[in-house]
PDB file of all heavy atoms in Angstrom:
ATOM      1  N   SER A   1      -5.082 -16.501  34.514  1.00  0.00           N
ATOM      2  CA  SER A   1      -4.737 -17.163  33.243  1.00  0.00           C
ATOM      3  C   SER A   1      -5.892 -18.037  32.763  1.00  0.00           C
ATOM      4  O   SER A   1      -6.196 -18.093  31.567  1.00  0.00           O
ATOM      5  CB  SER A   1      -3.469 -17.989  33.414  1.00  0.00           C
ATOM      6  OG  SER A   1      -2.352 -17.174  33.698  1.00  0.00           O
ATOM      7  N   THR A   2      -6.548 -18.734  33.703  1.00  0.00           N
ATOM      8  CA  THR A   2      -7.690 -19.563  33.318  1.00  0.00           C
ATOM      9  C   THR A   2      -8.829 -18.710  32.774  1.00  0.00           C
ATOM     10  O   THR A   2      -9.493 -19.100  31.797  1.00  0.00           O
ATOM     11  CB  THR A   2      -8.190 -20.355  34.542  1.00  0.00           C
ATOM     12  OG1 THR A   2      -7.106 -21.153  35.052  1.00  0.00           O
ATOM     13  CG2 THR A   2      -9.330 -21.277  34.159  1.00  0.00           C
ATOM     14  N   ASP A   3      -9.051 -17.550  33.364  1.00  0.00           N
ATOM     15  CA  ASP A   3     -10.085 -16.650  32.860  1.00  0.00           C
ATOM     16  C   ASP A   3      -9.778 -16.206  31.432  1.00  0.00           C
ATOM     17  O   ASP A   3     -10.696 -16.114  30.583  1.00  0.00           O
ATOM     18  CB  ASP A   3     -10.210 -15.419  33.760  1.00  0.00           C
ATOM     19  CG  ASP A   3     -10.816 -15.754  35.117  1.00  0.00           C
ATOM     20  OD1 ASP A   3     -11.481 -16.807  35.217  1.00  0.00           O
ATOM     21  OD2 ASP A   3     -10.611 -14.974  36.066  1.00  0.00           O
ATOM     22  N   LYS A   4      -8.516 -15.937  31.140  1.00  0.00           N
ATOM     23  CA  LYS A   4      -8.137 -15.503  29.801  1.00  0.00           C
ATOM     24  C   LYS A   4      -8.295 -16.631  28.785  1.00  0.00           C
ATOM     25  O   LYS A   4      -8.719 -16.401  27.648  1.00  0.00           O
ATOM     26  CB  LYS A   4      -6.709 -14.971  29.802  1.00  0.00           C
ATOM     27  CG  LYS A   4      -6.582 -13.668  30.587  1.00  0.00           C
ATOM     28  CD  LYS A   4      -5.128 -13.268  30.788  1.00  0.00           C
ATOM     29  CE  LYS A   4      -5.056 -12.007  31.645  1.00  0.00           C
ATOM     30  NZ  LYS A   4      -3.676 -11.607  31.947  1.00  0.00           N
ATOM     31  N   ILE A   5      -7.980 -17.874  29.215  1.00  0.00           N
ATOM     32  CA  ILE A   5      -8.188 -19.017  28.332  1.00  0.00           C
ATOM     33  C   ILE A   5      -9.666 -19.228  28.058  1.00  0.00           C
ATOM     34  O   ILE A   5     -10.103 -19.446  26.916  1.00  0.00           O
ATOM     35  CB  ILE A   5      -7.562 -20.292  28.941  1.00  0.00           C
ATOM     36  CG1 ILE A   5      -6.043 -20.223  28.907  1.00  0.00           C
ATOM     37  CG2 ILE A   5      -8.045 -21.544  28.208  1.00  0.00           C
ATOM     38  CD1 ILE A   5      -5.450 -20.306  27.525  1.00  0.00           C
ATOM     39  N   ASN A   6     -10.470 -19.160  29.113  1.00  0.00           N
ATOM     40  CA  ASN A   6     -11.918 -19.342  28.956  1.00  0.00           C
ATOM     41  C   ASN A   6     -12.533 -18.230  28.119  1.00  0.00           C
ATOM     42  O   ASN A   6     -13.540 -18.446  27.436  1.00  0.00           O
ATOM     43  CB  ASN A   6     -12.589 -19.403  30.326  1.00  0.00           C
ATOM     44  CG  ASN A   6     -12.214 -20.649  31.113  1.00  0.00           C
ATOM     45  OD1 ASN A   6     -11.869 -21.678  30.515  1.00  0.00           O
ATOM     46  ND2 ASN A   6     -12.278 -20.573  32.427  1.00  0.00           N
ATOM     47  N   GLY A   7     -11.941 -17.033  28.175  1.00  0.00           N
ATOM     48  CA  GLY A   7     -12.431 -15.952  27.324  1.00  0.00           C
ATOM     49  C   GLY A   7     -12.009 -16.096  25.875  1.00  0.00           C
ATOM     50  O   GLY A   7     -12.685 -15.594  24.973  1.00  0.00           O
ATOM     51  N   PHE A   8     -10.896 -16.789  25.634  1.00  0.00           N
ATOM     52  CA  PHE A   8     -10.403 -16.966  24.265  1.00  0.00           C
ATOM     53  C   PHE A   8     -11.168 -18.052  23.516  1.00  0.00           C
ATOM     54  O   PHE A   8     -11.313 -17.989  22.291  1.00  0.00           O
ATOM     55  CB  PHE A   8      -8.909 -17.316  24.320  1.00  0.00           C
ATOM     56  CG  PHE A   8      -8.241 -17.381  22.976  1.00  0.00           C
ATOM     57  CD1 PHE A   8      -7.943 -16.215  22.285  1.00  0.00           C
ATOM     58  CD2 PHE A   8      -7.902 -18.598  22.406  1.00  0.00           C
ATOM     59  CE1 PHE A   8      -7.326 -16.263  21.056  1.00  0.00           C
ATOM     60  CE2 PHE A   8      -7.285 -18.649  21.175  1.00  0.00           C
ATOM     61  CZ  PHE A   8      -6.994 -17.490  20.498  1.00  0.00           C
ATOM     62  N   ARG A   9     -11.668 -19.063  24.237  1.00  0.00           N
ATOM     63  CA  ARG A   9     -12.368 -20.166  23.575  1.00  0.00           C
ATOM     64  C   ARG A   9     -13.620 -19.722  22.832  1.00  0.00           C
ATOM     65  O   ARG A   9     -13.826 -20.123  21.669  1.00  0.00           O
ATOM     66  CB  ARG A   9     -12.718 -21.235  24.631  1.00  0.00           C
ATOM     67  CG  ARG A   9     -11.509 -22.030  25.106  1.00  0.00           C
ATOM     68  CD  ARG A   9     -11.876 -22.947  26.247  1.00  0.00           C
ATOM     69  NE  ARG A   9     -10.746 -23.757  26.674  1.00  0.00           N
ATOM     70  CZ  ARG A   9     -10.731 -24.507  27.760  1.00  0.00           C
ATOM     71  NH1 ARG A   9     -11.823 -24.555  28.533  1.00  0.00           N
ATOM     72  NH2 ARG A   9      -9.663 -25.206  28.090  1.00  0.00           N
ATOM     73  N   PRO A  10     -14.500 -18.894  23.428  1.00  0.00           N
ATOM     74  CA  PRO A  10     -15.653 -18.422  22.656  1.00  0.00           C
ATOM     75  C   PRO A  10     -15.259 -17.624  21.422  1.00  0.00           C
ATOM     76  O   PRO A  10     -15.962 -17.642  20.409  1.00  0.00           O
ATOM     77  CB  PRO A  10     -16.433 -17.555  23.650  1.00  0.00           C
ATOM     78  CG  PRO A  10     -16.007 -18.043  24.996  1.00  0.00           C
ATOM     79  CD  PRO A  10     -14.584 -18.451  24.838  1.00  0.00           C
ATOM     80  N   LYS A  11     -14.127 -16.908  21.503  1.00  0.00           N
ATOM     81  CA  LYS A  11     -13.656 -16.181  20.335  1.00  0.00           C
ATOM     82  C   LYS A  11     -13.354 -17.130  19.177  1.00  0.00           C
ATOM     83  O   LYS A  11     -13.715 -16.853  18.030  1.00  0.00           O
ATOM     84  CB  LYS A  11     -12.368 -15.396  20.675  1.00  0.00           C
ATOM     85  CG  LYS A  11     -12.593 -14.117  21.456  1.00  0.00           C
ATOM     86  CD  LYS A  11     -11.284 -13.367  21.597  1.00  0.00           C
ATOM     87  CE  LYS A  11     -11.478 -12.070  22.354  1.00  0.00           C
ATOM     88  NZ  LYS A  11     -10.200 -11.328  22.498  1.00  0.00           N
ATOM     89  N   VAL A  12     -12.695 -18.256  19.505  1.00  0.00           N
ATOM     90  CA  VAL A  12     -12.363 -19.219  18.460  1.00  0.00           C
ATOM     91  C   VAL A  12     -13.632 -19.771  17.825  1.00  0.00           C
ATOM     92  O   VAL A  12     -13.727 -19.934  16.596  1.00  0.00           O
ATOM     93  CB  VAL A  12     -11.500 -20.346  19.046  1.00  0.00           C
ATOM     94  CG1 VAL A  12     -11.235 -21.421  17.990  1.00  0.00           C
ATOM     95  CG2 VAL A  12     -10.179 -19.803  19.575  1.00  0.00           C
ATOM     96  N   GLN A  13     -14.634 -20.082  18.634  1.00  0.00           N
ATOM     97  CA  GLN A  13     -15.901 -20.588  18.090  1.00  0.00           C
ATOM     98  C   GLN A  13     -16.580 -19.531  17.226  1.00  0.00           C
ATOM     99  O   GLN A  13     -17.143 -19.860  16.159  1.00  0.00           O
ATOM    100  CB  GLN A  13     -16.804 -21.005  19.252  1.00  0.00           C
ATOM    101  CG  GLN A  13     -16.245 -22.149  20.098  1.00  0.00           C
ATOM    102  CD  GLN A  13     -17.100 -22.454  21.303  1.00  0.00           C
ATOM    103  OE1 GLN A  13     -18.120 -21.795  21.543  1.00  0.00           O
ATOM    104  NE2 GLN A  13     -16.707 -23.454  22.066  1.00  0.00           N
ATOM    105  N   LEU A  14     -16.548 -18.289  17.656  1.00  0.00           N
ATOM    106  CA  LEU A  14     -17.144 -17.210  16.867  1.00  0.00           C
ATOM    107  C   LEU A  14     -16.386 -17.018  15.564  1.00  0.00           C
ATOM    108  O   LEU A  14     -16.998 -16.801  14.498  1.00  0.00           O
ATOM    109  CB  LEU A  14     -17.148 -15.923  17.685  1.00  0.00           C
ATOM    110  CG  LEU A  14     -17.784 -14.689  17.023  1.00  0.00           C
ATOM    111  CD1 LEU A  14     -19.258 -14.942  16.741  1.00  0.00           C
ATOM    112  CD2 LEU A  14     -17.613 -13.457  17.913  1.00  0.00           C
ATOM    113  N   TRP A  15     -15.066 -17.078  15.620  1.00  0.00           N
ATOM    114  CA  TRP A  15     -14.267 -16.953  14.399  1.00  0.00           C
ATOM    115  C   TRP A  15     -14.590 -18.077  13.417  1.00  0.00           C
ATOM    116  O   TRP A  15     -14.627 -17.862  12.208  1.00  0.00           O
ATOM    117  CB  TRP A  15     -12.781 -16.982  14.746  1.00  0.00           C
ATOM    118  CG  TRP A  15     -12.318 -15.790  15.517  1.00  0.00           C
ATOM    119  CD1 TRP A  15     -12.997 -14.612  15.692  1.00  0.00           C
ATOM    120  CD2 TRP A  15     -11.078 -15.642  16.211  1.00  0.00           C
ATOM    121  NE1 TRP A  15     -12.265 -13.750  16.457  1.00  0.00           N
ATOM    122  CE2 TRP A  15     -11.077 -14.337  16.792  1.00  0.00           C
ATOM    123  CE3 TRP A  15      -9.977 -16.455  16.405  1.00  0.00           C
ATOM    124  CZ2 TRP A  15     -10.031 -13.862  17.544  1.00  0.00           C
ATOM    125  CZ3 TRP A  15      -8.926 -15.990  17.153  1.00  0.00           C
ATOM    126  CH2 TRP A  15      -8.942 -14.692  17.722  1.00  0.00           C
ATOM    127  N   HIS A  16     -14.796 -19.290  13.968  1.00  0.00           N
ATOM    128  CA  HIS A  16     -15.128 -20.430  13.113  1.00  0.00           C
ATOM    129  C   HIS A  16     -16.436 -20.175  12.367  1.00  0.00           C
ATOM    130  O   HIS A  16     -16.560 -20.468  11.158  1.00  0.00           O
ATOM    131  CB  HIS A  16     -15.231 -21.696  13.970  1.00  0.00           C
ATOM    132  CG  HIS A  16     -15.400 -22.950  13.159  1.00  0.00           C
ATOM    133  ND1 HIS A  16     -16.634 -23.459  12.842  1.00  0.00           N
ATOM    134  CD2 HIS A  16     -14.480 -23.782  12.602  1.00  0.00           C
ATOM    135  CE1 HIS A  16     -16.491 -24.568  12.128  1.00  0.00           C
ATOM    136  NE2 HIS A  16     -15.195 -24.777  11.971  1.00  0.00           N
ATOM    137  N   GLN A  17     -17.423 -19.618  13.045  1.00  0.00           N
ATOM    138  CA  GLN A  17     -18.699 -19.314  12.405  1.00  0.00           C
ATOM    139  C   GLN A  17     -18.527 -18.232  11.346  1.00  0.00           C
ATOM    140  O   GLN A  17     -19.134 -18.297  10.260  1.00  0.00           O
ATOM    141  CB  GLN A  17     -19.712 -18.860  13.461  1.00  0.00           C
ATOM    142  CG  GLN A  17     -20.059 -19.948  14.480  1.00  0.00           C
ATOM    143  CD  GLN A  17     -20.961 -19.421  15.587  1.00  0.00           C
ATOM    144  OE1 GLN A  17     -21.364 -18.250  15.566  1.00  0.00           O
ATOM    145  NE2 GLN A  17     -21.266 -20.276  16.555  1.00  0.00           N
ATOM    146  N   HIS A  18     -17.712 -17.234  11.646  1.00  0.00           N
ATOM    147  CA  HIS A  18     -17.494 -16.151  10.680  1.00  0.00           C
ATOM    148  C   HIS A  18     -16.770 -16.668   9.436  1.00  0.00           C
ATOM    149  O   HIS A  18     -17.083 -16.237   8.316  1.00  0.00           O
ATOM    150  CB  HIS A  18     -16.682 -15.026  11.324  1.00  0.00           C
ATOM    151  CG  HIS A  18     -17.487 -14.207  12.286  1.00  0.00           C
ATOM    152  ND1 HIS A  18     -16.955 -13.130  12.974  1.00  0.00           N
ATOM    153  CD2 HIS A  18     -18.785 -14.287  12.683  1.00  0.00           C
ATOM    154  CE1 HIS A  18     -17.896 -12.601  13.751  1.00  0.00           C
ATOM    155  NE2 HIS A  18     -19.014 -13.296  13.585  1.00  0.00           N
ATOM    156  N   VAL A  19     -15.795 -17.549   9.628  1.00  0.00           N
ATOM    157  CA  VAL A  19     -15.053 -18.088   8.468  1.00  0.00           C
ATOM    158  C   VAL A  19     -15.989 -18.901   7.587  1.00  0.00           C
ATOM    159  O   VAL A  19     -15.903 -18.838   6.342  1.00  0.00           O
ATOM    160  CB  VAL A  19     -13.866 -18.944   8.966  1.00  0.00           C
ATOM    161  CG1 VAL A  19     -13.231 -19.704   7.811  1.00  0.00           C
ATOM    162  CG2 VAL A  19     -12.809 -18.057   9.620  1.00  0.00           C
ATOM    163  N   GLU A  20     -16.885 -19.675   8.202  1.00  0.00           N
ATOM    164  CA  GLU A  20     -17.820 -20.463   7.407  1.00  0.00           C
ATOM    165  C   GLU A  20     -18.748 -19.581   6.575  1.00  0.00           C
ATOM    166  O   GLU A  20     -19.171 -19.954   5.475  1.00  0.00           O
ATOM    167  CB  GLU A  20     -18.659 -21.364   8.324  1.00  0.00           C
ATOM    168  CG  GLU A  20     -17.866 -22.527   8.914  1.00  0.00           C
ATOM    169  CD  GLU A  20     -18.735 -23.424   9.767  1.00  0.00           C
ATOM    170  OE1 GLU A  20     -19.828 -22.973  10.180  1.00  0.00           O
ATOM    171  OE2 GLU A  20     -18.316 -24.577  10.020  1.00  0.00           O
ATOM    172  N   SER A  21     -19.046 -18.385   7.082  1.00  0.00           N
ATOM    173  CA  SER A  21     -19.891 -17.448   6.345  1.00  0.00           C
ATOM    174  C   SER A  21     -19.093 -16.550   5.405  1.00  0.00           C
ATOM    175  O   SER A  21     -19.655 -15.670   4.757  1.00  0.00           O
ATOM    176  CB  SER A  21     -20.703 -16.581   7.311  1.00  0.00           C
ATOM    177  OG  SER A  21     -19.835 -15.799   8.133  1.00  0.00           O
ATOM    178  N   GLY A  22     -17.743 -16.744   5.351  1.00  0.00           N
ATOM    179  CA  GLY A  22     -16.908 -15.976   4.443  1.00  0.00           C
ATOM    180  C   GLY A  22     -16.361 -14.694   5.019  1.00  0.00           C
ATOM    181  O   GLY A  22     -15.790 -13.876   4.283  1.00  0.00           O
ATOM    182  N   ASN A  23     -16.482 -14.487   6.321  1.00  0.00           N
ATOM    183  CA  ASN A  23     -15.984 -13.268   6.978  1.00  0.00           C
ATOM    184  C   ASN A  23     -14.605 -13.548   7.578  1.00  0.00           C
ATOM    185  O   ASN A  23     -14.447 -14.400   8.441  1.00  0.00           O
ATOM    186  CB  ASN A  23     -16.957 -12.828   8.066  1.00  0.00           C
ATOM    187  CG  ASN A  23     -16.543 -11.513   8.706  1.00  0.00           C
ATOM    188  OD1 ASN A  23     -15.534 -10.911   8.349  1.00  0.00           O
ATOM    189  ND2 ASN A  23     -17.332 -11.049   9.653  1.00  0.00           N
ATOM    190  N   LEU A  24     -13.590 -12.816   7.116  1.00  0.00           N
ATOM    191  CA  LEU A  24     -12.204 -13.034   7.582  1.00  0.00           C
ATOM    192  C   LEU A  24     -11.628 -11.777   8.245  1.00  0.00           C
ATOM    193  O   LEU A  24     -10.414 -11.561   8.224  1.00  0.00           O
ATOM    194  CB  LEU A  24     -11.316 -13.434   6.402  1.00  0.00           C
ATOM    195  CG  LEU A  24     -11.677 -14.728   5.685  1.00  0.00           C
ATOM    196  CD1 LEU A  24     -10.783 -14.931   4.475  1.00  0.00           C
ATOM    197  CD2 LEU A  24     -11.577 -15.931   6.609  1.00  0.00           C
ATOM    198  N   GLU A  25     -12.488 -10.959   8.824  1.00  0.00           N
ATOM    199  CA  GLU A  25     -12.014  -9.709   9.406  1.00  0.00           C
ATOM    200  C   GLU A  25     -11.046  -9.928  10.556  1.00  0.00           C
ATOM    201  O   GLU A  25     -10.170  -9.094  10.799  1.00  0.00           O
ATOM    202  CB  GLU A  25     -13.207  -8.886   9.899  1.00  0.00           C
ATOM    203  CG  GLU A  25     -14.079  -8.345   8.791  1.00  0.00           C
ATOM    204  CD  GLU A  25     -15.210  -7.487   9.330  1.00  0.00           C
ATOM    205  OE1 GLU A  25     -15.324  -7.376  10.570  1.00  0.00           O
ATOM    206  OE2 GLU A  25     -15.961  -6.912   8.522  1.00  0.00           O
ATOM    207  N   MET A  26     -11.190 -11.044  11.296  1.00  0.00           N
ATOM    208  CA  MET A  26     -10.301 -11.298  12.427  1.00  0.00           C
ATOM    209  C   MET A  26      -8.921 -11.760  11.975  1.00  0.00           C
ATOM    210  O   MET A  26      -7.970 -11.734  12.740  1.00  0.00           O
ATOM    211  CB  MET A  26     -10.934 -12.308  13.385  1.00  0.00           C
ATOM    212  CG  MET A  26     -10.978 -13.743  12.873  1.00  0.00           C
ATOM    213  SD  MET A  26     -11.994 -14.021  11.406  1.00  0.00           S
ATOM    214  CE  MET A  26     -13.600 -13.560  12.009  1.00  0.00           C
ATOM    215  N   PHE A  27      -8.787 -12.203  10.727  1.00  0.00           N
ATOM    216  CA  PHE A  27      -7.504 -12.674  10.185  1.00  0.00           C
ATOM    217  C   PHE A  27      -7.035 -11.658   9.157  1.00  0.00           C
ATOM    218  O   PHE A  27      -7.367 -11.750   7.964  1.00  0.00           O
ATOM    219  CB  PHE A  27      -7.648 -14.063   9.557  1.00  0.00           C
ATOM    220  CG  PHE A  27      -8.078 -15.111  10.544  1.00  0.00           C
ATOM    221  CD1 PHE A  27      -9.025 -16.059  10.195  1.00  0.00           C
ATOM    222  CD2 PHE A  27      -7.538 -15.164  11.808  1.00  0.00           C
ATOM    223  CE1 PHE A  27      -9.423 -17.037  11.088  1.00  0.00           C
ATOM    224  CE2 PHE A  27      -7.924 -16.120  12.709  1.00  0.00           C
ATOM    225  CZ  PHE A  27      -8.875 -17.078  12.351  1.00  0.00           C
ATOM    226  N   THR A  28      -6.251 -10.693   9.610  1.00  0.00           N
ATOM    227  CA  THR A  28      -5.887  -9.541   8.787  1.00  0.00           C
ATOM    228  C   THR A  28      -5.108  -9.935   7.536  1.00  0.00           C
ATOM    229  O   THR A  28      -5.454  -9.545   6.418  1.00  0.00           O
ATOM    230  CB  THR A  28      -5.061  -8.537   9.603  1.00  0.00           C
ATOM    231  OG1 THR A  28      -5.757  -8.223  10.809  1.00  0.00           O
ATOM    232  CG2 THR A  28      -4.806  -7.271   8.811  1.00  0.00           C
ATOM    233  N   LEU A  29      -4.048 -10.724   7.714  1.00  0.00           N
ATOM    234  CA  LEU A  29      -3.207 -11.093   6.580  1.00  0.00           C
ATOM    235  C   LEU A  29      -3.954 -12.003   5.606  1.00  0.00           C
ATOM    236  O   LEU A  29      -3.788 -11.879   4.377  1.00  0.00           O
ATOM    237  CB  LEU A  29      -1.935 -11.800   7.087  1.00  0.00           C
ATOM    238  CG  LEU A  29      -1.012 -10.949   7.963  1.00  0.00           C
ATOM    239  CD1 LEU A  29       0.200 -11.751   8.392  1.00  0.00           C
ATOM    240  CD2 LEU A  29      -0.572  -9.694   7.232  1.00  0.00           C
ATOM    241  N   THR A  30      -4.787 -12.897   6.133  1.00  0.00           N
ATOM    242  CA  THR A  30      -5.555 -13.773   5.262  1.00  0.00           C
ATOM    243  C   THR A  30      -6.541 -12.986   4.419  1.00  0.00           C
ATOM    244  O   THR A  30      -6.714 -13.229   3.218  1.00  0.00           O
ATOM    245  CB  THR A  30      -6.298 -14.834   6.091  1.00  0.00           C
ATOM    246  OG1 THR A  30      -5.371 -15.516   6.938  1.00  0.00           O
ATOM    247  CG2 THR A  30      -6.985 -15.846   5.201  1.00  0.00           C
ATOM    248  N   MET A  31      -7.204 -12.025   5.062  1.00  0.00           N
ATOM    249  CA  MET A  31      -8.147 -11.186   4.329  1.00  0.00           C
ATOM    250  C   MET A  31      -7.414 -10.329   3.295  1.00  0.00           C
ATOM    251  O   MET A  31      -7.890 -10.132   2.175  1.00  0.00           O
ATOM    252  CB  MET A  31      -8.905 -10.288   5.307  1.00  0.00           C
ATOM    253  CG  MET A  31      -9.989  -9.452   4.661  1.00  0.00           C
ATOM    254  SD  MET A  31     -10.994  -8.541   5.865  1.00  0.00           S
ATOM    255  CE  MET A  31      -9.723  -7.439   6.528  1.00  0.00           C
ATOM    256  N   GLN A  32      -6.213  -9.857   3.661  1.00  0.00           N
ATOM    257  CA  GLN A  32      -5.421  -9.063   2.726  1.00  0.00           C
ATOM    258  C   GLN A  32      -5.015  -9.919   1.524  1.00  0.00           C
ATOM    259  O   GLN A  32      -5.102  -9.467   0.383  1.00  0.00           O
ATOM    260  CB  GLN A  32      -4.185  -8.520   3.435  1.00  0.00           C
ATOM    261  CG  GLN A  32      -3.248  -7.748   2.536  1.00  0.00           C
ATOM    262  CD  GLN A  32      -1.963  -7.357   3.254  1.00  0.00           C
ATOM    263  OE1 GLN A  32      -1.810  -7.579   4.442  1.00  0.00           O
ATOM    264  NE2 GLN A  32      -1.033  -6.780   2.528  1.00  0.00           N
ATOM    265  N   TRP A  33      -4.608 -11.157   1.806  1.00  0.00           N
ATOM    266  CA  TRP A  33      -4.215 -12.041   0.709  1.00  0.00           C
ATOM    267  C   TRP A  33      -5.408 -12.360  -0.185  1.00  0.00           C
ATOM    268  O   TRP A  33      -5.283 -12.376  -1.420  1.00  0.00           O
ATOM    269  CB  TRP A  33      -3.626 -13.329   1.265  1.00  0.00           C
ATOM    270  CG  TRP A  33      -3.456 -14.396   0.217  1.00  0.00           C
ATOM    271  CD1 TRP A  33      -4.249 -15.492   0.005  1.00  0.00           C
ATOM    272  CD2 TRP A  33      -2.440 -14.453  -0.775  1.00  0.00           C
ATOM    273  NE1 TRP A  33      -3.784 -16.221  -1.051  1.00  0.00           N
ATOM    274  CE2 TRP A  33      -2.672 -15.601  -1.564  1.00  0.00           C
ATOM    275  CE3 TRP A  33      -1.370 -13.629  -1.091  1.00  0.00           C
ATOM    276  CZ2 TRP A  33      -1.863 -15.944  -2.619  1.00  0.00           C
ATOM    277  CZ3 TRP A  33      -0.564 -13.970  -2.160  1.00  0.00           C
ATOM    278  CH2 TRP A  33      -0.812 -15.120  -2.909  1.00  0.00           C
ATOM    279  N   GLN A  34      -6.570 -12.577   0.424  1.00  0.00           N
ATOM    280  CA  GLN A  34      -7.759 -12.880  -0.352  1.00  0.00           C
ATOM    281  C   GLN A  34      -8.128 -11.700  -1.249  1.00  0.00           C
ATOM    282  O   GLN A  34      -8.488 -11.863  -2.408  1.00  0.00           O
ATOM    283  CB  GLN A  34      -8.921 -13.198   0.580  1.00  0.00           C
ATOM    284  CG  GLN A  34     -10.192 -13.650  -0.177  1.00  0.00           C
ATOM    285  CD  GLN A  34     -11.365 -13.830   0.770  1.00  0.00           C
ATOM    286  OE1 GLN A  34     -11.567 -13.022   1.657  1.00  0.00           O
ATOM    287  NE2 GLN A  34     -12.130 -14.890   0.592  1.00  0.00           N
ATOM    288  N   GLY A  35      -7.975 -10.470  -0.685  1.00  0.00           N
ATOM    289  CA  GLY A  35      -8.288  -9.296  -1.483  1.00  0.00           C
ATOM    290  C   GLY A  35      -7.351  -9.114  -2.642  1.00  0.00           C
ATOM    291  O   GLY A  35      -7.758  -8.817  -3.779  1.00  0.00           O
ATOM    292  N   VAL A  36      -6.052  -9.298  -2.415  1.00  0.00           N
ATOM    293  CA  VAL A  36      -5.056  -9.181  -3.482  1.00  0.00           C
ATOM    294  C   VAL A  36      -5.292 -10.235  -4.536  1.00  0.00           C
ATOM    295  O   VAL A  36      -5.237  -9.971  -5.750  1.00  0.00           O
ATOM    296  CB  VAL A  36      -3.636  -9.264  -2.917  1.00  0.00           C
ATOM    297  CG1 VAL A  36      -2.603  -9.337  -4.035  1.00  0.00           C
ATOM    298  CG2 VAL A  36      -3.354  -8.089  -2.002  1.00  0.00           C
ATOM    299  N   HIS A  37      -5.566 -11.463  -4.107  1.00  0.00           N
ATOM    300  CA  HIS A  37      -5.765 -12.577  -5.028  1.00  0.00           C
ATOM    301  C   HIS A  37      -7.023 -12.360  -5.862  1.00  0.00           C
ATOM    302  O   HIS A  37      -7.037 -12.609  -7.081  1.00  0.00           O
ATOM    303  CB  HIS A  37      -5.854 -13.878  -4.266  1.00  0.00           C
ATOM    304  CG  HIS A  37      -5.901 -15.101  -5.150  1.00  0.00           C
ATOM    305  ND1 HIS A  37      -4.924 -15.373  -6.082  1.00  0.00           N
ATOM    306  CD2 HIS A  37      -6.794 -16.121  -5.230  1.00  0.00           C
ATOM    307  CE1 HIS A  37      -5.195 -16.502  -6.703  1.00  0.00           C
ATOM    308  NE2 HIS A  37      -6.347 -16.979  -6.196  1.00  0.00           N
TER     309      HIS A  37
END
């Protein structure tokens, strides 16, 4: 379980960088809403 938590943390940091650059591929519904809007 600790390994899975430690593996999830870098994902969150990477997602944060992608969101700042305008990339929302990891958030399917958010990207879908942005496209519809």
